[in-house]
N, C-alpha and C. Protein backbone atom coordinates (compact mmCIF):
# COMPACT_ATOMS: atom_id res chain seq x y z
N MET A 1 57.54 -38.10 147.93
CA MET A 1 58.03 -36.78 148.26
C MET A 1 57.10 -35.73 147.65
N LEU A 2 56.83 -34.70 148.42
CA LEU A 2 55.93 -33.65 147.96
C LEU A 2 56.60 -32.76 146.92
N SER A 3 55.80 -32.23 146.03
CA SER A 3 56.29 -31.29 145.03
C SER A 3 56.65 -29.97 145.71
N GLU A 4 57.45 -29.15 145.02
CA GLU A 4 57.79 -27.82 145.55
C GLU A 4 56.53 -27.00 145.79
N PHE A 5 55.59 -27.11 144.86
CA PHE A 5 54.34 -26.35 145.02
C PHE A 5 53.60 -26.81 146.26
N ALA A 6 53.47 -28.12 146.46
CA ALA A 6 52.75 -28.65 147.62
C ALA A 6 53.40 -28.18 148.92
N ARG A 7 54.72 -28.27 149.00
CA ARG A 7 55.42 -27.86 150.22
C ARG A 7 55.28 -26.37 150.48
N LEU A 8 55.39 -25.58 149.43
CA LEU A 8 55.30 -24.13 149.58
C LEU A 8 53.89 -23.71 149.97
N LEU A 9 52.89 -24.29 149.34
CA LEU A 9 51.50 -23.98 149.67
C LEU A 9 51.22 -24.32 151.13
N LEU A 10 51.64 -25.49 151.55
CA LEU A 10 51.44 -25.93 152.93
C LEU A 10 52.14 -24.98 153.90
N LEU A 11 53.37 -24.61 153.59
CA LEU A 11 54.13 -23.70 154.45
C LEU A 11 53.44 -22.34 154.56
N TYR A 12 53.04 -21.77 153.43
CA TYR A 12 52.38 -20.46 153.46
C TYR A 12 51.05 -20.53 154.22
N ARG A 13 50.28 -21.59 153.99
CA ARG A 13 48.97 -21.70 154.65
C ARG A 13 49.15 -21.82 156.16
N LYS A 14 50.05 -22.71 156.58
CA LYS A 14 50.23 -22.92 158.02
C LYS A 14 50.85 -21.70 158.70
N SER A 15 51.76 -21.03 158.00
CA SER A 15 52.40 -19.85 158.60
C SER A 15 51.40 -18.72 158.82
N ARG A 16 50.30 -18.76 158.09
CA ARG A 16 49.26 -17.75 158.25
C ARG A 16 48.11 -18.23 159.13
N GLY A 17 48.22 -19.47 159.60
CA GLY A 17 47.22 -20.01 160.52
C GLY A 17 45.85 -20.22 159.90
N LEU A 18 45.84 -20.55 158.61
CA LEU A 18 44.57 -20.74 157.91
C LEU A 18 44.32 -22.21 157.63
N THR A 19 43.06 -22.57 157.55
CA THR A 19 42.69 -23.94 157.19
C THR A 19 42.55 -24.06 155.68
N GLN A 20 42.51 -25.28 155.22
CA GLN A 20 42.29 -25.51 153.79
C GLN A 20 40.94 -24.94 153.37
N ALA A 21 39.94 -25.11 154.22
CA ALA A 21 38.59 -24.61 153.90
C ALA A 21 38.58 -23.09 153.79
N GLU A 22 39.32 -22.41 154.66
CA GLU A 22 39.36 -20.95 154.61
C GLU A 22 40.00 -20.47 153.31
N ILE A 23 41.10 -21.11 152.93
CA ILE A 23 41.76 -20.73 151.68
C ILE A 23 40.82 -20.98 150.51
N ALA A 24 40.17 -22.14 150.50
CA ALA A 24 39.26 -22.49 149.41
C ALA A 24 38.13 -21.48 149.30
N THR A 25 37.56 -21.09 150.42
CA THR A 25 36.48 -20.11 150.41
C THR A 25 36.93 -18.79 149.82
N HIS A 26 38.08 -18.29 150.28
CA HIS A 26 38.59 -17.01 149.80
C HIS A 26 39.03 -17.07 148.33
N ALA A 27 39.50 -18.26 147.90
CA ALA A 27 39.96 -18.41 146.52
C ALA A 27 38.84 -18.84 145.58
N ALA A 28 37.66 -19.10 146.15
CA ALA A 28 36.48 -19.53 145.37
C ALA A 28 36.75 -20.82 144.59
N ILE A 29 37.38 -21.77 145.28
CA ILE A 29 37.59 -23.10 144.70
C ILE A 29 37.19 -24.15 145.73
N GLU A 30 37.05 -25.38 145.31
CA GLU A 30 36.63 -26.45 146.22
C GLU A 30 37.71 -26.75 147.25
N ALA A 31 37.29 -26.98 148.50
CA ALA A 31 38.23 -27.28 149.58
C ALA A 31 39.03 -28.55 149.29
N SER A 32 38.40 -29.51 148.63
CA SER A 32 39.11 -30.76 148.33
C SER A 32 40.30 -30.52 147.40
N LEU A 33 40.23 -29.47 146.58
CA LEU A 33 41.35 -29.16 145.70
C LEU A 33 42.57 -28.70 146.48
N ILE A 34 42.36 -27.90 147.51
CA ILE A 34 43.49 -27.44 148.33
C ILE A 34 44.20 -28.65 148.93
N SER A 35 43.42 -29.60 149.43
CA SER A 35 44.00 -30.83 149.98
C SER A 35 44.81 -31.58 148.92
N LYS A 36 44.26 -31.70 147.74
CA LYS A 36 44.96 -32.40 146.65
C LYS A 36 46.23 -31.66 146.24
N PHE A 37 46.18 -30.33 146.23
CA PHE A 37 47.36 -29.54 145.89
C PHE A 37 48.46 -29.77 146.93
N GLU A 38 48.06 -29.76 148.22
CA GLU A 38 49.04 -29.93 149.30
C GLU A 38 49.61 -31.35 149.35
N ARG A 39 48.84 -32.32 148.90
CA ARG A 39 49.34 -33.70 148.85
C ARG A 39 50.13 -33.97 147.58
N GLY A 40 50.06 -33.04 146.64
CA GLY A 40 50.79 -33.19 145.39
C GLY A 40 50.13 -34.14 144.41
N THR A 41 48.84 -34.42 144.62
CA THR A 41 48.15 -35.33 143.70
C THR A 41 47.49 -34.59 142.54
N ARG A 42 47.51 -33.27 142.63
CA ARG A 42 46.91 -32.45 141.58
C ARG A 42 47.63 -31.12 141.52
N TYR A 43 47.70 -30.55 140.34
CA TYR A 43 48.31 -29.22 140.16
C TYR A 43 47.25 -28.23 139.73
N PRO A 44 47.35 -27.00 140.24
CA PRO A 44 46.38 -25.97 139.84
C PRO A 44 46.77 -25.34 138.51
N ASP A 45 45.80 -24.67 137.90
CA ASP A 45 46.15 -23.86 136.74
C ASP A 45 46.61 -22.49 137.26
N ARG A 46 47.11 -21.67 136.36
CA ARG A 46 47.67 -20.37 136.76
C ARG A 46 46.64 -19.50 137.48
N THR A 47 45.40 -19.50 137.01
CA THR A 47 44.34 -18.70 137.64
C THR A 47 44.12 -19.13 139.08
N MET A 48 44.14 -20.44 139.32
CA MET A 48 43.97 -20.94 140.69
C MET A 48 45.14 -20.53 141.58
N VAL A 49 46.36 -20.61 141.05
CA VAL A 49 47.53 -20.21 141.83
C VAL A 49 47.39 -18.76 142.26
N LEU A 50 46.99 -17.91 141.34
CA LEU A 50 46.83 -16.49 141.66
C LEU A 50 45.70 -16.26 142.67
N ALA A 51 44.61 -17.02 142.55
CA ALA A 51 43.51 -16.90 143.51
C ALA A 51 43.96 -17.36 144.91
N ILE A 52 44.72 -18.44 144.96
CA ILE A 52 45.23 -18.94 146.23
C ILE A 52 46.20 -17.92 146.84
N ALA A 53 47.08 -17.35 146.01
CA ALA A 53 48.02 -16.34 146.49
C ALA A 53 47.28 -15.14 147.08
N LYS A 54 46.23 -14.74 146.42
CA LYS A 54 45.43 -13.62 146.93
C LYS A 54 44.75 -14.00 148.24
N ALA A 55 44.20 -15.21 148.31
CA ALA A 55 43.54 -15.67 149.54
C ALA A 55 44.53 -15.73 150.70
N LEU A 56 45.78 -16.08 150.40
CA LEU A 56 46.82 -16.16 151.44
C LEU A 56 47.43 -14.79 151.73
N GLN A 57 47.07 -13.79 150.95
CA GLN A 57 47.62 -12.44 151.06
C GLN A 57 49.14 -12.46 150.94
N LEU A 58 49.61 -13.15 149.90
CA LEU A 58 51.04 -13.26 149.67
C LEU A 58 51.61 -11.98 149.08
N SER A 59 52.86 -11.73 149.39
CA SER A 59 53.57 -10.61 148.76
C SER A 59 53.82 -10.97 147.30
N GLN A 60 54.29 -10.00 146.52
CA GLN A 60 54.58 -10.28 145.10
C GLN A 60 55.68 -11.33 144.97
N ILE A 61 56.69 -11.26 145.83
CA ILE A 61 57.78 -12.24 145.79
C ILE A 61 57.25 -13.63 146.12
N GLU A 62 56.42 -13.73 147.15
CA GLU A 62 55.84 -15.02 147.53
C GLU A 62 54.93 -15.56 146.42
N THR A 63 54.18 -14.66 145.80
CA THR A 63 53.30 -15.06 144.68
C THR A 63 54.14 -15.58 143.53
N ASP A 64 55.23 -14.87 143.22
CA ASP A 64 56.13 -15.34 142.16
C ASP A 64 56.69 -16.72 142.49
N ASP A 65 57.08 -16.92 143.76
CA ASP A 65 57.61 -18.21 144.18
C ASP A 65 56.57 -19.31 144.01
N LEU A 66 55.33 -19.01 144.38
CA LEU A 66 54.26 -20.00 144.23
C LEU A 66 54.01 -20.32 142.76
N LEU A 67 54.03 -19.29 141.92
CA LEU A 67 53.87 -19.50 140.48
C LEU A 67 55.01 -20.37 139.92
N LEU A 68 56.24 -20.04 140.32
CA LEU A 68 57.38 -20.83 139.85
C LEU A 68 57.29 -22.28 140.33
N ALA A 69 56.88 -22.47 141.56
CA ALA A 69 56.76 -23.82 142.10
C ALA A 69 55.70 -24.63 141.34
N ALA A 70 54.69 -23.94 140.84
CA ALA A 70 53.64 -24.60 140.06
C ALA A 70 54.01 -24.66 138.58
N ARG A 71 55.23 -24.23 138.26
CA ARG A 71 55.78 -24.26 136.91
C ARG A 71 55.14 -23.26 135.95
N PHE A 72 54.82 -22.10 136.52
CA PHE A 72 54.33 -20.98 135.71
C PHE A 72 55.32 -19.84 135.85
N ALA A 73 55.49 -19.09 134.79
CA ALA A 73 56.36 -17.92 134.85
C ALA A 73 55.65 -16.82 135.63
N PRO A 74 56.37 -16.17 136.53
CA PRO A 74 55.76 -15.06 137.26
C PRO A 74 55.65 -13.83 136.37
N ARG A 75 54.59 -13.09 136.53
CA ARG A 75 54.35 -11.85 135.78
C ARG A 75 54.75 -11.98 134.32
N ASN A 76 55.29 -10.93 133.75
CA ASN A 76 55.73 -10.95 132.35
C ASN A 76 57.24 -10.73 132.29
N LEU A 77 57.98 -11.72 132.72
CA LEU A 77 59.43 -11.59 132.77
C LEU A 77 60.07 -12.11 131.49
N GLY A 78 61.18 -11.49 131.10
CA GLY A 78 61.97 -12.00 129.99
C GLY A 78 62.78 -13.19 130.46
N TYR A 79 63.44 -13.85 129.53
CA TYR A 79 64.20 -15.06 129.86
C TYR A 79 65.30 -14.81 130.88
N LEU A 80 66.04 -13.70 130.74
CA LEU A 80 67.11 -13.41 131.69
C LEU A 80 66.55 -13.16 133.08
N GLU A 81 65.48 -12.37 133.15
CA GLU A 81 64.85 -12.11 134.43
C GLU A 81 64.29 -13.38 135.03
N LEU A 82 63.71 -14.23 134.19
CA LEU A 82 63.15 -15.48 134.67
C LEU A 82 64.25 -16.39 135.23
N GLY A 83 65.39 -16.43 134.56
CA GLY A 83 66.52 -17.22 135.05
C GLY A 83 66.97 -16.75 136.42
N LYS A 84 67.05 -15.45 136.61
CA LYS A 84 67.42 -14.88 137.91
C LYS A 84 66.38 -15.24 138.96
N LYS A 85 65.10 -15.14 138.58
CA LYS A 85 64.02 -15.48 139.51
C LYS A 85 64.11 -16.94 139.95
N LEU A 86 64.42 -17.82 139.00
CA LEU A 86 64.53 -19.25 139.31
C LEU A 86 65.68 -19.49 140.29
N GLU A 87 66.79 -18.80 140.10
CA GLU A 87 67.92 -18.93 141.02
C GLU A 87 67.53 -18.43 142.41
N GLU A 88 66.88 -17.28 142.48
CA GLU A 88 66.43 -16.73 143.76
C GLU A 88 65.44 -17.68 144.43
N PHE A 89 64.55 -18.22 143.63
CA PHE A 89 63.54 -19.15 144.14
C PHE A 89 64.21 -20.38 144.75
N SER A 90 65.16 -20.94 144.02
CA SER A 90 65.87 -22.14 144.51
C SER A 90 66.57 -21.84 145.82
N SER A 91 67.18 -20.68 145.91
CA SER A 91 67.87 -20.28 147.13
C SER A 91 66.90 -20.14 148.30
N ARG A 92 65.76 -19.50 148.07
CA ARG A 92 64.77 -19.34 149.14
C ARG A 92 64.19 -20.68 149.56
N ILE A 93 63.97 -21.59 148.62
CA ILE A 93 63.45 -22.92 148.94
C ILE A 93 64.45 -23.66 149.82
N GLU A 94 65.74 -23.58 149.49
CA GLU A 94 66.77 -24.23 150.31
C GLU A 94 66.76 -23.68 151.73
N LYS A 95 66.65 -22.37 151.86
CA LYS A 95 66.61 -21.75 153.19
C LYS A 95 65.37 -22.22 153.96
N LEU A 96 64.23 -22.27 153.28
CA LEU A 96 63.01 -22.75 153.94
C LEU A 96 63.15 -24.20 154.37
N GLN A 97 63.78 -25.02 153.54
CA GLN A 97 63.97 -26.43 153.89
C GLN A 97 64.86 -26.56 155.12
N HIS A 98 65.93 -25.74 155.20
CA HIS A 98 66.80 -25.77 156.37
C HIS A 98 66.04 -25.32 157.62
N THR A 99 65.21 -24.31 157.46
CA THR A 99 64.40 -23.83 158.58
C THR A 99 63.47 -24.93 159.06
N ILE A 100 62.82 -25.60 158.15
CA ILE A 100 61.91 -26.70 158.51
C ILE A 100 62.67 -27.82 159.20
N GLU A 101 63.85 -28.17 158.68
CA GLU A 101 64.66 -29.22 159.30
C GLU A 101 65.06 -28.83 160.72
N ASN A 102 65.46 -27.57 160.92
CA ASN A 102 65.82 -27.09 162.26
C ASN A 102 64.63 -27.14 163.20
N LEU A 103 63.47 -26.75 162.71
CA LEU A 103 62.27 -26.80 163.53
C LEU A 103 61.90 -28.24 163.88
N ASP A 104 62.07 -29.15 162.93
CA ASP A 104 61.81 -30.57 163.19
C ASP A 104 62.74 -31.10 164.27
N GLU A 105 64.01 -30.71 164.22
CA GLU A 105 64.98 -31.14 165.23
C GLU A 105 64.60 -30.59 166.60
N LYS A 106 64.24 -29.32 166.66
CA LYS A 106 63.84 -28.71 167.93
C LYS A 106 62.59 -29.39 168.49
N LEU A 107 61.63 -29.68 167.62
CA LEU A 107 60.42 -30.35 168.05
C LEU A 107 60.73 -31.74 168.59
N ALA A 108 61.63 -32.45 167.92
CA ALA A 108 62.02 -33.79 168.39
C ALA A 108 62.66 -33.72 169.77
N LYS A 109 63.49 -32.71 170.01
CA LYS A 109 64.13 -32.53 171.32
C LYS A 109 63.09 -32.23 172.39
N ILE A 110 62.13 -31.40 172.06
CA ILE A 110 61.07 -31.07 173.01
C ILE A 110 60.25 -32.30 173.35
N ILE A 111 59.92 -33.08 172.35
CA ILE A 111 59.14 -34.29 172.57
C ILE A 111 59.93 -35.27 173.43
N THR A 112 61.21 -35.42 173.13
CA THR A 112 62.06 -36.32 173.91
C THR A 112 62.15 -35.85 175.35
N THR A 113 62.34 -34.55 175.56
CA THR A 113 62.45 -34.00 176.90
C THR A 113 61.18 -34.23 177.69
N HIS A 114 60.04 -33.99 177.07
CA HIS A 114 58.76 -34.16 177.77
C HIS A 114 58.42 -35.62 178.01
N SER A 115 58.85 -36.50 177.15
CA SER A 115 58.54 -37.93 177.34
C SER A 115 59.40 -38.53 178.45
N LEU A 116 60.54 -37.88 178.77
CA LEU A 116 61.40 -38.37 179.83
C LEU A 116 60.91 -37.93 181.19
N GLU A 117 60.07 -36.92 181.22
CA GLU A 117 59.58 -36.37 182.50
C GLU A 117 58.52 -37.24 183.12
């Protein structure tokens, strides 16, 4: 099973229509690292997460989510604020997972419909 960071990175990259090589170029890191991050075989350091977020042109909320998924605290939050951020993050991840599941179901129906034709 993929890590939260791997799933979120993959989702953000694909939703923006970018390749791993494009992200790597803009983030000034090796393309093979993006692949490893998305497969969950390697974790980035905080600097890399921020460079990737910038390359993806993520909003502050999305950047915070990516930082949290990589197990880094976003910005300079206190413990109470961080706890709230973690709750918000978990909620957004659940919504994204439901969206992905719904899209998978729709794709399966489309494939089934076309294979019957």
